[in-house]
Amino acid sequence: MTRPRPQLRLVPAAPESAPEAAPSSGAPASAPGDLDGAFRLYGRYVGYIALRILGRPDEVEDLVQEVFLDAHQGIGTLRDPGALKGFLATLTVRKASRALKRRKVRRFFGFDEGFDYTQIADRRASPDERALVGEVYRMLDELPAEQRAAWVLRYVEGEKVERVAEMCGCSLATVKRRIAAAQATLHSELGDG
């Protein structure tokens, strides 16, 4: 009999540093090239994805700024205003993966002291759930960035595999391999695989 997978109860709202406007349900900015409107609409959304992948609130604000700085050039080339949210999500995943790789290098050289990931647990989470969040994110720190991003998008965010592939900018087969590899590592480390 398979036991149910515990949920990682993370902070439910976007980080404090994100703008106040809630992300819309896919409504485009007033014009495809309107960066300010895009930021108002999707700043929290970008911050939310960044927080889930990075796991460290103190790194989110810089990543959000990087995403929108880079988006400034590409946003004007979008033919479909409805594609803006997906464009920003893909850019966020790419930037977060790069940030994770830099973090791994800093850790290798002793410049990263780690982080208490229990801080990102939902305040309503039980002590056991908080400990689980901390343990899972510590294990995620050991995974390759692409595996971590794919696994987080699939199992923390609950995105469909097809959407994860789109956000990660890779094929469906590749994202399935990344998720499976991350899942196998986490199961073996947690002792329930």
Protein backbone atom coordinates (compact mmCIF):
# COMPACT_ATOMS: atom_id res chain seq x y z
CA MET A 1 0.00 0.00 0.00
CA THR A 2 1.40 3.37 -0.97
CA ARG A 3 1.29 6.05 1.65
CA PRO A 4 0.10 9.49 0.56
CA ARG A 5 2.76 12.00 -0.42
CA PRO A 6 2.99 14.73 2.24
CA GLN A 7 2.38 18.24 0.97
CA LEU A 8 5.04 20.88 1.36
CA ARG A 9 3.12 23.70 2.99
CA LEU A 10 5.03 26.78 1.90
CA VAL A 11 4.34 30.46 2.33
CA PRO A 12 1.12 30.92 0.35
CA ALA A 13 1.61 34.52 -0.77
CA ALA A 14 4.23 36.18 -2.89
CA PRO A 15 7.23 37.65 -1.08
CA GLU A 16 6.89 41.03 0.61
CA SER A 17 9.23 42.64 -1.89
CA ALA A 18 6.86 41.96 -4.79
CA PRO A 19 4.42 44.62 -5.97
CA GLU A 20 0.94 44.73 -4.50
CA ALA A 21 -1.04 43.94 -7.63
CA ALA A 22 -2.12 40.33 -7.77
CA PRO A 23 -1.30 38.39 -10.92
CA SER A 24 -4.16 38.25 -13.32
CA SER A 25 -5.52 35.07 -14.77
CA GLY A 26 -3.57 35.48 -17.96
CA ALA A 27 -4.77 38.95 -18.94
CA PRO A 28 -2.06 40.74 -20.87
CA ALA A 29 -0.48 44.05 -19.98
CA SER A 30 -2.07 47.05 -21.62
CA ALA A 31 0.27 46.57 -24.58
CA PRO A 32 2.81 43.81 -25.30
CA GLY A 33 5.71 46.28 -24.96
CA ASP A 34 4.49 47.91 -21.74
CA LEU A 35 7.10 46.81 -19.21
CA ASP A 36 5.61 48.86 -16.36
CA GLY A 37 2.19 47.29 -16.90
CA ALA A 38 3.75 43.85 -17.14
CA PHE A 39 5.53 44.40 -13.85
CA ARG A 40 2.34 45.52 -12.13
CA LEU A 41 0.46 42.50 -13.45
CA TYR A 42 3.10 39.82 -13.08
CA GLY A 43 5.69 41.02 -10.57
CA ARG A 44 4.19 38.95 -7.76
CA TYR A 45 3.82 35.94 -10.03
CA VAL A 46 7.50 36.12 -11.01
CA GLY A 47 8.47 36.54 -7.34
CA TYR A 48 6.32 33.58 -6.36
CA ILE A 49 7.99 31.26 -8.88
CA ALA A 50 11.43 32.55 -7.89
CA LEU A 51 10.74 31.94 -4.20
CA ARG A 52 9.58 28.38 -4.82
CA ILE A 53 12.61 27.49 -6.93
CA LEU A 54 15.26 29.36 -4.95
CA GLY A 55 13.77 28.76 -1.51
CA ARG A 56 15.42 31.91 -0.14
CA PRO A 57 13.34 35.07 0.21
CA ASP A 58 16.44 37.28 0.34
CA GLU A 59 17.35 36.30 -3.24
CA VAL A 60 13.93 36.90 -4.78
CA GLU A 61 13.92 40.68 -5.19
CA ASP A 62 17.17 40.68 -7.17
CA LEU A 63 15.96 37.86 -9.38
CA VAL A 64 12.66 39.62 -10.10
CA GLN A 65 14.58 42.74 -11.12
CA GLU A 66 16.86 40.67 -13.38
CA VAL A 67 13.85 39.01 -15.02
CA PHE A 68 12.18 42.31 -15.84
CA LEU A 69 15.43 43.92 -16.99
CA ASP A 70 15.94 41.04 -19.41
CA ALA A 71 12.27 41.01 -20.35
CA HIS A 72 12.51 44.66 -21.39
CA GLN A 73 14.21 43.68 -24.66
CA GLY A 74 12.07 40.63 -25.41
CA ILE A 75 8.71 41.97 -24.33
CA GLY A 76 8.37 44.23 -27.36
CA THR A 77 8.85 41.29 -29.73
CA LEU A 78 5.85 39.34 -28.43
CA ARG A 79 3.19 39.12 -31.09
CA ASP A 80 0.58 37.67 -28.75
CA PRO A 81 -0.01 39.75 -25.58
CA GLY A 82 -1.42 36.60 -23.96
CA ALA A 83 2.03 35.01 -24.18
CA LEU A 84 3.53 37.51 -21.74
CA LYS A 85 2.88 35.49 -18.59
CA GLY A 86 4.45 32.36 -20.08
CA PHE A 87 7.39 34.37 -21.42
CA LEU A 88 8.05 35.78 -17.94
CA ALA A 89 7.66 32.37 -16.29
CA THR A 90 10.20 30.81 -18.67
CA LEU A 91 12.61 33.67 -18.10
CA THR A 92 12.17 33.32 -14.33
CA VAL A 93 12.93 29.59 -14.39
CA ARG A 94 16.02 30.20 -16.53
CA LYS A 95 17.29 32.98 -14.22
CA ALA A 96 16.53 30.95 -11.08
CA SER A 97 18.43 27.96 -12.47
CA ARG A 98 21.46 30.16 -13.14
CA ALA A 99 21.23 31.59 -9.63
CA LEU A 100 21.16 28.06 -8.20
CA LYS A 101 24.30 27.16 -10.18
CA ARG A 102 26.08 30.26 -8.83
CA ARG A 103 24.96 29.35 -5.32
CA LYS A 104 26.43 25.86 -5.73
CA VAL A 105 29.79 27.35 -6.74
CA ARG A 106 29.70 29.70 -3.73
CA ARG A 107 28.92 26.74 -1.48
CA PHE A 108 31.81 24.75 -2.98
CA PHE A 109 34.22 27.56 -2.10
CA GLY A 110 32.69 28.03 1.35
CA PHE A 111 30.94 31.34 0.61
CA ASP A 112 27.41 30.05 1.11
CA GLU A 113 26.50 29.35 4.71
CA GLY A 114 23.26 27.60 3.93
CA PHE A 115 19.78 28.71 4.90
CA ASP A 116 17.07 27.73 7.36
CA TYR A 117 14.44 26.64 4.86
CA THR A 118 11.84 26.13 7.58
CA GLN A 119 11.34 29.90 7.24
CA ILE A 120 9.51 29.41 3.95
CA ALA A 121 6.98 27.03 5.45
CA ASP A 122 3.45 28.31 5.82
CA ARG A 123 3.02 29.78 9.29
CA ARG A 124 0.05 27.41 9.78
CA ALA A 125 2.25 24.37 9.11
CA SER A 126 2.85 21.97 11.97
CA PRO A 127 6.39 21.57 13.37
CA ASP A 128 6.69 18.29 11.45
CA GLU A 129 5.61 19.98 8.21
CA ARG A 130 8.09 22.81 8.80
CA ALA A 131 10.86 20.27 9.36
CA LEU A 132 9.85 18.45 6.16
CA VAL A 133 10.04 21.69 4.16
CA GLY A 134 13.50 22.36 5.59
CA GLU A 135 14.74 18.86 4.87
CA VAL A 136 13.37 18.73 1.32
CA TYR A 137 14.88 22.10 0.39
CA ARG A 138 18.25 21.09 1.89
CA MET A 139 18.14 18.00 -0.33
CA LEU A 140 17.10 20.12 -3.30
CA ASP A 141 20.29 22.14 -2.74
CA GLU A 142 22.26 19.03 -3.73
CA LEU A 143 20.42 18.45 -7.00
CA PRO A 144 21.40 19.90 -10.37
CA ALA A 145 19.57 23.21 -10.90
CA GLU A 146 17.50 21.93 -13.83
CA GLN A 147 16.26 18.92 -11.85
CA ARG A 148 15.41 21.10 -8.88
CA ALA A 149 13.47 23.63 -10.96
CA ALA A 150 11.50 20.92 -12.78
CA TRP A 151 10.69 19.04 -9.56
CA VAL A 152 9.61 22.19 -7.72
CA LEU A 153 7.39 23.29 -10.57
CA ARG A 154 5.80 19.84 -10.75
CA TYR A 155 5.46 18.85 -7.10
CA VAL A 156 5.47 22.11 -5.16
CA GLU A 157 3.63 24.30 -7.66
CA GLY A 158 1.54 21.42 -9.01
CA GLU A 159 2.08 22.38 -12.65
CA LYS A 160 1.24 19.83 -15.33
CA VAL A 161 4.29 18.14 -16.86
CA GLU A 162 3.63 19.79 -20.23
CA ARG A 163 3.62 23.23 -18.59
CA VAL A 164 6.81 22.39 -16.67
CA ALA A 165 8.52 21.50 -19.95
CA GLU A 166 7.38 24.78 -21.44
CA MET A 167 8.58 26.80 -18.43
CA CYS A 168 11.91 24.97 -18.38
CA GLY A 169 12.38 25.43 -22.11
CA CYS A 170 12.96 21.76 -22.84
CA SER A 171 11.20 18.75 -24.32
CA LEU A 172 8.58 16.75 -22.48
CA ALA A 173 10.90 13.73 -22.39
CA THR A 174 13.73 15.80 -20.91
CA VAL A 175 11.58 17.32 -18.20
CA LYS A 176 10.17 13.89 -17.31
CA ARG A 177 13.73 12.58 -16.90
CA ARG A 178 14.68 15.56 -14.72
CA ILE A 179 11.63 15.15 -12.50
CA ALA A 180 12.14 11.38 -12.20
CA ALA A 181 15.82 11.80 -11.30
CA ALA A 182 15.01 14.40 -8.65
CA GLN A 183 12.14 12.29 -7.30
CA ALA A 184 14.38 9.20 -7.05
CA THR A 185 17.04 11.14 -5.16
CA LEU A 186 14.54 12.67 -2.75
CA HIS A 187 12.82 9.33 -2.12
CA SER A 188 16.10 7.58 -1.41
CA GLU A 189 17.26 10.38 0.90
CA LEU A 190 13.97 10.55 2.75
CA GLY A 191 14.02 6.78 3.14
CA ASP A 192 10.61 6.22 1.60
CA GLY A 193 11.59 5.13 -1.88
